[in-house]
Amino acid sequence: MKPNSLYAQLELIQEPLDSPIQTDYSIARVWAGAKRRLSLVGEALLTYLCGSTDLSVTVKRDLRGNTLFVAYDPVSQQRRTFSSEQELRVWVDQRYYQ
């Protein structure tokens, strides 16, 4: 292995295709994929530990078959139930101005 090839590998510098060190770049591809996956796992772990601030909405049906929209705001820890999507949208818009 040439000294320059190790530097190229560490810096993810691509050498010409006719270079005899083409197999070394599979390590760089594997490492890039591993970093991507590790980043996703890290983000998921951070969200799990810190909690999400995103509003969650669940659509349910009552005993009569009516559609209900149950919204939970983790910031204010409010859970509200709405009988129409329009009511839900109004509440979502207004909660940012309170």
PDB file of N, CA and C in Angstrom:
ATOM      1  N   MET A   1       0.845  -1.174   0.000  1.00  0.00           N
ATOM      2  CA  MET A   1       0.000   0.000   0.000  1.00  0.00           C
ATOM      3  C   MET A   1       0.890   1.237   0.000  1.00  0.00           C
ATOM      4  N   LYS A   2       0.647   2.131  -0.919  1.00  0.00           N
ATOM      5  CA  LYS A   2       1.427   3.353  -1.004  1.00  0.00           C
ATOM      6  C   LYS A   2       1.037   4.295   0.129  1.00  0.00           C
ATOM      7  N   PRO A   3       1.953   5.139   0.609  1.00  0.00           N
ATOM      8  CA  PRO A   3       1.615   6.091   1.679  1.00  0.00           C
ATOM      9  C   PRO A   3       0.500   7.048   1.254  1.00  0.00           C
ATOM     10  N   ASN A   4       0.465   7.435   0.008  1.00  0.00           N
ATOM     11  CA  ASN A   4      -0.565   8.358  -0.466  1.00  0.00           C
ATOM     12  C   ASN A   4      -1.938   7.711  -0.490  1.00  0.00           C
ATOM     13  N   SER A   5      -1.981   6.380  -0.676  1.00  0.00           N
ATOM     14  CA  SER A   5      -3.277   5.719  -0.743  1.00  0.00           C
ATOM     15  C   SER A   5      -3.969   5.725   0.619  1.00  0.00           C
ATOM     16  N   LEU A   6      -3.220   5.641   1.711  1.00  0.00           N
ATOM     17  CA  LEU A   6      -3.811   5.703   3.038  1.00  0.00           C
ATOM     18  C   LEU A   6      -4.393   7.091   3.274  1.00  0.00           C
ATOM     19  N   TYR A   7      -3.650   8.122   2.875  1.00  0.00           N
ATOM     20  CA  TYR A   7      -4.154   9.488   2.999  1.00  0.00           C
ATOM     21  C   TYR A   7      -5.419   9.656   2.171  1.00  0.00           C
ATOM     22  N   ALA A   8      -5.404   9.147   0.943  1.00  0.00           N
ATOM     23  CA  ALA A   8      -6.576   9.258   0.071  1.00  0.00           C
ATOM     24  C   ALA A   8      -7.766   8.526   0.679  1.00  0.00           C
ATOM     25  N   GLN A   9      -7.503   7.411   1.302  1.00  0.00           N
ATOM     26  CA  GLN A   9      -8.572   6.635   1.924  1.00  0.00           C
ATOM     27  C   GLN A   9      -9.153   7.400   3.120  1.00  0.00           C
ATOM     28  N   LEU A  10      -8.301   7.973   3.944  1.00  0.00           N
ATOM     29  CA  LEU A  10      -8.772   8.716   5.108  1.00  0.00           C
ATOM     30  C   LEU A  10      -9.519   9.985   4.711  1.00  0.00           C
ATOM     31  N   GLU A  11      -9.099  10.619   3.669  1.00  0.00           N
ATOM     32  CA  GLU A  11      -9.737  11.854   3.215  1.00  0.00           C
ATOM     33  C   GLU A  11     -10.845  11.605   2.197  1.00  0.00           C
ATOM     34  N   LEU A  12     -11.123  10.328   1.911  1.00  0.00           N
ATOM     35  CA  LEU A  12     -12.151   9.932   0.944  1.00  0.00           C
ATOM     36  C   LEU A  12     -11.914  10.558  -0.428  1.00  0.00           C
ATOM     37  N   ILE A  13     -10.641  10.623  -0.814  1.00  0.00           N
ATOM     38  CA  ILE A  13     -10.271  11.139  -2.129  1.00  0.00           C
ATOM     39  C   ILE A  13     -10.299   9.976  -3.106  1.00  0.00           C
ATOM     40  N   GLN A  14     -11.035  10.146  -4.187  1.00  0.00           N
ATOM     41  CA  GLN A  14     -11.124   9.080  -5.169  1.00  0.00           C
ATOM     42  C   GLN A  14      -9.947   9.141  -6.131  1.00  0.00           C
ATOM     43  N   GLU A  15      -9.352   7.990  -6.351  1.00  0.00           N
ATOM     44  CA  GLU A  15      -8.268   7.895  -7.316  1.00  0.00           C
ATOM     45  C   GLU A  15      -8.857   7.491  -8.650  1.00  0.00           C
ATOM     46  N   PRO A  16      -8.123   7.639  -9.730  1.00  0.00           N
ATOM     47  CA  PRO A  16      -8.634   7.240 -11.047  1.00  0.00           C
ATOM     48  C   PRO A  16      -9.049   5.773 -11.056  1.00  0.00           C
ATOM     49  N   LEU A  17      -9.984   5.430 -11.928  1.00  0.00           N
ATOM     50  CA  LEU A  17     -10.516   4.068 -11.985  1.00  0.00           C
ATOM     51  C   LEU A  17      -9.467   3.033 -12.363  1.00  0.00           C
ATOM     52  N   ASP A  18      -8.432   3.433 -13.084  1.00  0.00           N
ATOM     53  CA  ASP A  18      -7.411   2.472 -13.476  1.00  0.00           C
ATOM     54  C   ASP A  18      -6.382   2.237 -12.359  1.00  0.00           C
ATOM     55  N   SER A  19      -6.634   2.780 -11.194  1.00  0.00           N
ATOM     56  CA  SER A  19      -5.742   2.604 -10.063  1.00  0.00           C
ATOM     57  C   SER A  19      -5.855   1.177  -9.522  1.00  0.00           C
ATOM     58  N   PRO A  20      -4.741   0.585  -9.090  1.00  0.00           N
ATOM     59  CA  PRO A  20      -4.790  -0.783  -8.569  1.00  0.00           C
ATOM     60  C   PRO A  20      -5.405  -0.876  -7.166  1.00  0.00           C
ATOM     61  N   ILE A  21      -5.754   0.233  -6.527  1.00  0.00           N
ATOM     62  CA  ILE A  21      -6.246   0.217  -5.153  1.00  0.00           C
ATOM     63  C   ILE A  21      -7.767   0.402  -5.119  1.00  0.00           C
ATOM     64  N   GLN A  22      -8.488  -0.113  -6.054  1.00  0.00           N
ATOM     65  CA  GLN A  22      -9.933   0.080  -6.114  1.00  0.00           C
ATOM     66  C   GLN A  22     -10.654  -0.622  -4.970  1.00  0.00           C
ATOM     67  N   THR A  23     -10.140  -1.709  -4.465  1.00  0.00           N
ATOM     68  CA  THR A  23     -10.805  -2.451  -3.402  1.00  0.00           C
ATOM     69  C   THR A  23     -10.759  -1.707  -2.073  1.00  0.00           C
ATOM     70  N   ASP A  24      -9.798  -0.817  -1.875  1.00  0.00           N
ATOM     71  CA  ASP A  24      -9.713  -0.066  -0.627  1.00  0.00           C
ATOM     72  C   ASP A  24     -10.900   0.871  -0.452  1.00  0.00           C
ATOM     73  N   TYR A  25     -11.527   1.291  -1.533  1.00  0.00           N
ATOM     74  CA  TYR A  25     -12.630   2.224  -1.410  1.00  0.00           C
ATOM     75  C   TYR A  25     -13.902   1.556  -0.929  1.00  0.00           C
ATOM     76  N   SER A  26     -13.961   0.245  -0.952  1.00  0.00           N
ATOM     77  CA  SER A  26     -15.127  -0.421  -0.366  1.00  0.00           C
ATOM     78  C   SER A  26     -15.156  -0.163   1.138  1.00  0.00           C
ATOM     79  N   ILE A  27     -14.009  -0.032   1.765  1.00  0.00           N
ATOM     80  CA  ILE A  27     -13.936   0.295   3.183  1.00  0.00           C
ATOM     81  C   ILE A  27     -14.510   1.685   3.416  1.00  0.00           C
ATOM     82  N   ALA A  28     -14.179   2.625   2.542  1.00  0.00           N
ATOM     83  CA  ALA A  28     -14.700   3.980   2.679  1.00  0.00           C
ATOM     84  C   ALA A  28     -16.219   3.995   2.517  1.00  0.00           C
ATOM     85  N   ARG A  29     -16.745   3.208   1.573  1.00  0.00           N
ATOM     86  CA  ARG A  29     -18.197   3.143   1.386  1.00  0.00           C
ATOM     87  C   ARG A  29     -18.876   2.523   2.593  1.00  0.00           C
ATOM     88  N   VAL A  30     -18.283   1.459   3.124  1.00  0.00           N
ATOM     89  CA  VAL A  30     -18.845   0.817   4.314  1.00  0.00           C
ATOM     90  C   VAL A  30     -18.813   1.781   5.493  1.00  0.00           C
ATOM     91  N   TRP A  31     -17.715   2.496   5.644  1.00  0.00           N
ATOM     92  CA  TRP A  31     -17.595   3.453   6.746  1.00  0.00           C
ATOM     93  C   TRP A  31     -18.621   4.569   6.595  1.00  0.00           C
ATOM     94  N   ALA A  32     -18.821   5.082   5.390  1.00  0.00           N
ATOM     95  CA  ALA A  32     -19.811   6.137   5.175  1.00  0.00           C
ATOM     96  C   ALA A  32     -21.217   5.630   5.497  1.00  0.00           C
ATOM     97  N   GLY A  33     -21.520   4.415   5.097  1.00  0.00           N
ATOM     98  CA  GLY A  33     -22.825   3.834   5.416  1.00  0.00           C
ATOM     99  C   GLY A  33     -23.002   3.635   6.912  1.00  0.00           C
ATOM    100  N   ALA A  34     -21.943   3.198   7.580  1.00  0.00           N
ATOM    101  CA  ALA A  34     -22.011   3.001   9.034  1.00  0.00           C
ATOM    102  C   ALA A  34     -22.220   4.329   9.755  1.00  0.00           C
ATOM    103  N   LYS A  35     -21.536   5.380   9.285  1.00  0.00           N
ATOM    104  CA  LYS A  35     -21.715   6.698   9.902  1.00  0.00           C
ATOM    105  C   LYS A  35     -23.147   7.186   9.722  1.00  0.00           C
ATOM    106  N   ARG A  36     -23.729   6.938   8.530  1.00  0.00           N
ATOM    107  CA  ARG A  36     -25.114   7.346   8.278  1.00  0.00           C
ATOM    108  C   ARG A  36     -26.068   6.631   9.231  1.00  0.00           C
ATOM    109  N   ARG A  37     -25.894   5.318   9.347  1.00  0.00           N
ATOM    110  CA  ARG A  37     -26.771   4.541  10.229  1.00  0.00           C
ATOM    111  C   ARG A  37     -26.577   4.937  11.691  1.00  0.00           C
ATOM    112  N   LEU A  38     -25.346   5.163  12.098  1.00  0.00           N
ATOM    113  CA  LEU A  38     -25.070   5.568  13.468  1.00  0.00           C
ATOM    114  C   LEU A  38     -25.690   6.933  13.765  1.00  0.00           C
ATOM    115  N   SER A  39     -25.673   7.808  12.786  1.00  0.00           N
ATOM    116  CA  SER A  39     -26.298   9.117  12.952  1.00  0.00           C
ATOM    117  C   SER A  39     -27.799   8.974  13.168  1.00  0.00           C
ATOM    118  N   LEU A  40     -28.442   8.092  12.398  1.00  0.00           N
ATOM    119  CA  LEU A  40     -29.883   7.873  12.565  1.00  0.00           C
ATOM    120  C   LEU A  40     -30.195   7.282  13.935  1.00  0.00           C
ATOM    121  N   VAL A  41     -29.381   6.348  14.384  1.00  0.00           N
ATOM    122  CA  VAL A  41     -29.578   5.747  15.706  1.00  0.00           C
ATOM    123  C   VAL A  41     -29.389   6.810  16.787  1.00  0.00           C
ATOM    124  N   GLY A  42     -28.392   7.661  16.621  1.00  0.00           N
ATOM    125  CA  GLY A  42     -28.150   8.734  17.587  1.00  0.00           C
ATOM    126  C   GLY A  42     -29.314   9.702  17.671  1.00  0.00           C
ATOM    127  N   GLU A  43     -29.867  10.068  16.520  1.00  0.00           N
ATOM    128  CA  GLU A  43     -31.024  10.963  16.510  1.00  0.00           C
ATOM    129  C   GLU A  43     -32.227  10.319  17.184  1.00  0.00           C
ATOM    130  N   ALA A  44     -32.457   9.033  16.910  1.00  0.00           N
ATOM    131  CA  ALA A  44     -33.579   8.325  17.527  1.00  0.00           C
ATOM    132  C   ALA A  44     -33.390   8.233  19.043  1.00  0.00           C
ATOM    133  N   LEU A  45     -32.167   7.966  19.481  1.00  0.00           N
ATOM    134  CA  LEU A  45     -31.883   7.884  20.907  1.00  0.00           C
ATOM    135  C   LEU A  45     -32.077   9.236  21.584  1.00  0.00           C
ATOM    136  N   LEU A  46     -31.639  10.293  20.945  1.00  0.00           N
ATOM    137  CA  LEU A  46     -31.811  11.632  21.488  1.00  0.00           C
ATOM    138  C   LEU A  46     -33.287  11.992  21.603  1.00  0.00           C
ATOM    139  N   THR A  47     -34.068  11.658  20.594  1.00  0.00           N
ATOM    140  CA  THR A  47     -35.506  11.912  20.635  1.00  0.00           C
ATOM    141  C   THR A  47     -36.159  11.106  21.745  1.00  0.00           C
ATOM    142  N   TYR A  48     -35.741   9.855  21.907  1.00  0.00           N
ATOM    143  CA  TYR A  48     -36.296   9.007  22.956  1.00  0.00           C
ATOM    144  C   TYR A  48     -35.979   9.565  24.341  1.00  0.00           C
ATOM    145  N   LEU A  49     -34.731   9.979  24.560  1.00  0.00           N
ATOM    146  CA  LEU A  49     -34.322  10.451  25.881  1.00  0.00           C
ATOM    147  C   LEU A  49     -34.866  11.836  26.207  1.00  0.00           C
ATOM    148  N   CYS A  50     -34.918  12.710  25.208  1.00  0.00           N
ATOM    149  CA  CYS A  50     -35.344  14.089  25.454  1.00  0.00           C
ATOM    150  C   CYS A  50     -36.828  14.295  25.180  1.00  0.00           C
ATOM    151  N   GLY A  51     -37.414  13.393  24.449  1.00  0.00           N
ATOM    152  CA  GLY A  51     -38.819  13.552  24.096  1.00  0.00           C
ATOM    153  C   GLY A  51     -38.965  14.409  22.856  1.00  0.00           C
ATOM    154  N   SER A  52     -40.077  14.276  22.239  1.00  0.00           N
ATOM    155  CA  SER A  52     -40.348  15.041  21.033  1.00  0.00           C
ATOM    156  C   SER A  52     -41.267  16.201  21.368  1.00  0.00           C
ATOM    157  N   THR A  53     -41.110  17.303  20.682  1.00  0.00           N
ATOM    158  CA  THR A  53     -41.993  18.446  20.874  1.00  0.00           C
ATOM    159  C   THR A  53     -43.061  18.515  19.790  1.00  0.00           C
ATOM    160  N   ASP A  54     -43.110  17.498  18.940  1.00  0.00           N
ATOM    161  CA  ASP A  54     -44.083  17.486  17.853  1.00  0.00           C
ATOM    162  C   ASP A  54     -45.467  17.120  18.368  1.00  0.00           C
ATOM    163  N   LEU A  55     -46.445  17.758  17.814  1.00  0.00           N
ATOM    164  CA  LEU A  55     -47.838  17.472  18.123  1.00  0.00           C
ATOM    165  C   LEU A  55     -48.194  16.099  17.559  1.00  0.00           C
ATOM    166  N   SER A  56     -48.901  15.289  18.334  1.00  0.00           N
ATOM    167  CA  SER A  56     -49.336  13.991  17.811  1.00  0.00           C
ATOM    168  C   SER A  56     -50.864  13.983  17.752  1.00  0.00           C
ATOM    169  N   VAL A  57     -51.383  13.447  16.647  1.00  0.00           N
ATOM    170  CA  VAL A  57     -52.827  13.382  16.431  1.00  0.00           C
ATOM    171  C   VAL A  57     -53.192  11.937  16.130  1.00  0.00           C
ATOM    172  N   THR A  58     -54.200  11.447  16.822  1.00  0.00           N
ATOM    173  CA  THR A  58     -54.698  10.094  16.615  1.00  0.00           C
ATOM    174  C   THR A  58     -56.163  10.184  16.205  1.00  0.00           C
ATOM    175  N   VAL A  59     -56.530   9.430  15.198  1.00  0.00           N
ATOM    176  CA  VAL A  59     -57.918   9.396  14.740  1.00  0.00           C
ATOM    177  C   VAL A  59     -58.570   8.153  15.324  1.00  0.00           C
ATOM    178  N   LYS A  60     -59.685   8.365  16.033  1.00  0.00           N
ATOM    179  CA  LYS A  60     -60.394   7.251  16.671  1.00  0.00           C
ATOM    180  C   LYS A  60     -61.877   7.330  16.301  1.00  0.00           C
ATOM    181  N   ARG A  61     -62.601   6.287  16.653  1.00  0.00           N
ATOM    182  CA  ARG A  61     -64.058   6.255  16.471  1.00  0.00           C
ATOM    183  C   ARG A  61     -64.701   5.960  17.818  1.00  0.00           C
ATOM    184  N   ASP A  62     -65.816   6.665  18.091  1.00  0.00           N
ATOM    185  CA  ASP A  62     -66.539   6.386  19.325  1.00  0.00           C
ATOM    186  C   ASP A  62     -67.489   5.209  19.108  1.00  0.00           C
ATOM    187  N   LEU A  63     -68.303   4.900  20.109  1.00  0.00           N
ATOM    188  CA  LEU A  63     -69.199   3.742  20.027  1.00  0.00           C
ATOM    189  C   LEU A  63     -70.243   3.876  18.926  1.00  0.00           C
ATOM    190  N   ARG A  64     -70.576   5.079  18.564  1.00  0.00           N
ATOM    191  CA  ARG A  64     -71.570   5.310  17.508  1.00  0.00           C
ATOM    192  C   ARG A  64     -70.952   5.381  16.116  1.00  0.00           C
ATOM    193  N   GLY A  65     -69.642   5.263  16.031  1.00  0.00           N
ATOM    194  CA  GLY A  65     -68.970   5.298  14.742  1.00  0.00           C
ATOM    195  C   GLY A  65     -68.534   6.680  14.295  1.00  0.00           C
ATOM    196  N   ASN A  66     -68.698   7.680  15.164  1.00  0.00           N
ATOM    197  CA  ASN A  66     -68.273   9.042  14.835  1.00  0.00           C
ATOM    198  C   ASN A  66     -66.757   9.147  14.909  1.00  0.00           C
ATOM    199  N   THR A  67     -66.186   9.905  13.994  1.00  0.00           N
ATOM    200  CA  THR A  67     -64.737  10.099  13.969  1.00  0.00           C
ATOM    201  C   THR A  67     -64.336  11.145  15.000  1.00  0.00           C
ATOM    202  N   LEU A  68     -63.312  10.827  15.782  1.00  0.00           N
ATOM    203  CA  LEU A  68     -62.774  11.741  16.781  1.00  0.00           C
ATOM    204  C   LEU A  68     -61.291  11.956  16.506  1.00  0.00           C
ATOM    205  N   PHE A  69     -60.844  13.163  16.702  1.00  0.00           N
ATOM    206  CA  PHE A  69     -59.437  13.517  16.533  1.00  0.00           C
ATOM    207  C   PHE A  69     -58.880  13.841  17.916  1.00  0.00           C
ATOM    208  N   VAL A  70     -57.949  13.026  18.379  1.00  0.00           N
ATOM    209  CA  VAL A  70     -57.338  13.223  19.693  1.00  0.00           C
ATOM    210  C   VAL A  70     -55.943  13.788  19.459  1.00  0.00           C
ATOM    211  N   ALA A  71     -55.710  15.002  19.978  1.00  0.00           N
ATOM    212  CA  ALA A  71     -54.427  15.676  19.791  1.00  0.00           C
ATOM    213  C   ALA A  71     -53.717  15.788  21.131  1.00  0.00           C
ATOM    214  N   TYR A  72     -52.405  15.552  21.109  1.00  0.00           N
ATOM    215  CA  TYR A  72     -51.592  15.696  22.320  1.00  0.00           C
ATOM    216  C   TYR A  72     -50.431  16.629  22.021  1.00  0.00           C
ATOM    217  N   ASP A  73     -50.310  17.657  22.853  1.00  0.00           N
ATOM    218  CA  ASP A  73     -49.224  18.619  22.735  1.00  0.00           C
ATOM    219  C   ASP A  73     -48.241  18.367  23.880  1.00  0.00           C
ATOM    220  N   PRO A  74     -47.063  17.786  23.598  1.00  0.00           N
ATOM    221  CA  PRO A  74     -46.127  17.466  24.681  1.00  0.00           C
ATOM    222  C   PRO A  74     -45.517  18.692  25.353  1.00  0.00           C
ATOM    223  N   VAL A  75     -45.529  19.832  24.694  1.00  0.00           N
ATOM    224  CA  VAL A  75     -44.965  21.044  25.291  1.00  0.00           C
ATOM    225  C   VAL A  75     -45.850  21.516  26.450  1.00  0.00           C
ATOM    226  N   SER A  76     -47.144  21.618  26.200  1.00  0.00           N
ATOM    227  CA  SER A  76     -48.073  22.054  27.247  1.00  0.00           C
ATOM    228  C   SER A  76     -48.695  20.882  27.998  1.00  0.00           C
ATOM    229  N   GLN A  77     -48.436  19.680  27.546  1.00  0.00           N
ATOM    230  CA  GLN A  77     -48.982  18.445  28.105  1.00  0.00           C
ATOM    231  C   GLN A  77     -50.510  18.449  28.112  1.00  0.00           C
ATOM    232  N   GLN A  78     -51.085  18.999  27.063  1.00  0.00           N
ATOM    233  CA  GLN A  78     -52.540  19.020  26.891  1.00  0.00           C
ATOM    234  C   GLN A  78     -52.969  17.923  25.939  1.00  0.00           C
ATOM    235  N   ARG A  79     -54.081  17.280  26.279  1.00  0.00           N
ATOM    236  CA  ARG A  79     -54.702  16.313  25.379  1.00  0.00           C
ATOM    237  C   ARG A  79     -56.118  16.821  25.127  1.00  0.00           C
ATOM    238  N   ARG A  80     -56.434  17.004  23.860  1.00  0.00           N
ATOM    239  CA  ARG A  80     -57.757  17.519  23.484  1.00  0.00           C
ATOM    240  C   ARG A  80     -58.385  16.590  22.465  1.00  0.00           C
ATOM    241  N   THR A  81     -59.710  16.482  22.520  1.00  0.00           N
ATOM    242  CA  THR A  81     -60.463  15.658  21.581  1.00  0.00           C
ATOM    243  C   THR A  81     -61.383  16.557  20.775  1.00  0.00           C
ATOM    244  N   PHE A  82     -61.380  16.361  19.460  1.00  0.00           N
ATOM    245  CA  PHE A  82     -62.190  17.177  18.556  1.00  0.00           C
ATOM    246  C   PHE A  82     -63.070  16.275  17.703  1.00  0.00           C
ATOM    247  N   SER A  83     -64.249  16.794  17.361  1.00  0.00           N
ATOM    248  CA  SER A  83     -65.183  15.999  16.556  1.00  0.00           C
ATOM    249  C   SER A  83     -65.016  16.258  15.063  1.00  0.00           C
ATOM    250  N   SER A  84     -64.230  17.282  14.709  1.00  0.00           N
ATOM    251  CA  SER A  84     -64.001  17.543  13.283  1.00  0.00           C
ATOM    252  C   SER A  84     -62.552  17.961  13.064  1.00  0.00           C
ATOM    253  N   GLU A  85     -62.109  17.746  11.859  1.00  0.00           N
ATOM    254  CA  GLU A  85     -60.746  18.136  11.506  1.00  0.00           C
ATOM    255  C   GLU A  85     -60.600  19.648  11.538  1.00  0.00           C
ATOM    256  N   GLN A  86     -61.657  20.354  11.176  1.00  0.00           N
ATOM    257  CA  GLN A  86     -61.623  21.817  11.183  1.00  0.00           C
ATOM    258  C   GLN A  86     -61.385  22.352  12.603  1.00  0.00           C
ATOM    259  N   GLU A  87     -62.065  21.790  13.603  1.00  0.00           N
ATOM    260  CA  GLU A  87     -61.857  22.210  14.989  1.00  0.00           C
ATOM    261  C   GLU A  87     -60.412  21.963  15.409  1.00  0.00           C
ATOM    262  N   LEU A  88     -59.887  20.821  15.017  1.00  0.00           N
ATOM    263  CA  LEU A  88     -58.497  20.486  15.325  1.00  0.00           C
ATOM    264  C   LEU A  88     -57.553  21.499  14.711  1.00  0.00           C
ATOM    265  N   ARG A  89     -57.769  21.836  13.450  1.00  0.00           N
ATOM    266  CA  ARG A  89     -56.893  22.809  12.773  1.00  0.00           C
ATOM    267  C   ARG A  89     -56.937  24.174  13.437  1.00  0.00           C
ATOM    268  N   VAL A  90     -58.116  24.611  13.869  1.00  0.00           N
ATOM    269  CA  VAL A  90     -58.249  25.899  14.551  1.00  0.00           C
ATOM    270  C   VAL A  90     -57.454  25.878  15.854  1.00  0.00           C
ATOM    271  N   TRP A  91     -57.571  24.794  16.630  1.00  0.00           N
ATOM    272  CA  TRP A  91     -56.839  24.678  17.883  1.00  0.00           C
ATOM    273  C   TRP A  91     -55.336  24.682  17.645  1.00  0.00           C
ATOM    274  N   VAL A  92     -54.894  23.946  16.613  1.00  0.00           N
ATOM    275  CA  VAL A  92     -53.458  23.895  16.304  1.00  0.00           C
ATOM    276  C   VAL A  92     -52.949  25.287  15.961  1.00  0.00           C
ATOM    277  N   ASP A  93     -53.706  26.031  15.146  1.00  0.00           N
ATOM    278  CA  ASP A  93     -53.279  27.383  14.779  1.00  0.00           C
ATOM    279  C   ASP A  93     -53.258  28.310  15.990  1.00  0.00           C
ATOM    280  N   GLN A  94     -54.247  28.200  16.862  1.00  0.00           N
ATOM    281  CA  GLN A  94     -54.352  29.120  17.994  1.00  0.00           C
ATOM    282  C   GLN A  94     -53.354  28.822  19.093  1.00  0.00           C
ATOM    283  N   ARG A  95     -52.926  27.599  19.233  1.00  0.00           N
ATOM    284  CA  ARG A  95     -52.041  27.261  20.346  1.00  0.00           C
ATOM    285  C   ARG A  95     -50.674  27.912  20.221  1.00  0.00           C
ATOM    286  N   TYR A  96     -50.277  28.311  19.030  1.00  0.00           N
ATOM    287  CA  TYR A  96     -49.002  28.988  18.853  1.00  0.00           C
ATOM    288  C   TYR A  96     -49.082  30.462  19.256  1.00  0.00           C
ATOM    289  N   TYR A  97     -50.281  31.006  19.299  1.00  0.00           N
ATOM    290  CA  TYR A  97     -50.439  32.425  19.627  1.00  0.00           C
ATOM    291  C   TYR A  97     -50.780  32.648  21.096  1.00  0.00           C
ATOM    292  N   GLN A  98     -50.894  31.591  21.875  1.00  0.00           N
ATOM    293  CA  GLN A  98     -51.232  31.745  23.306  1.00  0.00           C
ATOM    294  C   GLN A  98     -49.983  31.874  24.146  1.00  0.00           C
TER     295      GLN A  98
END
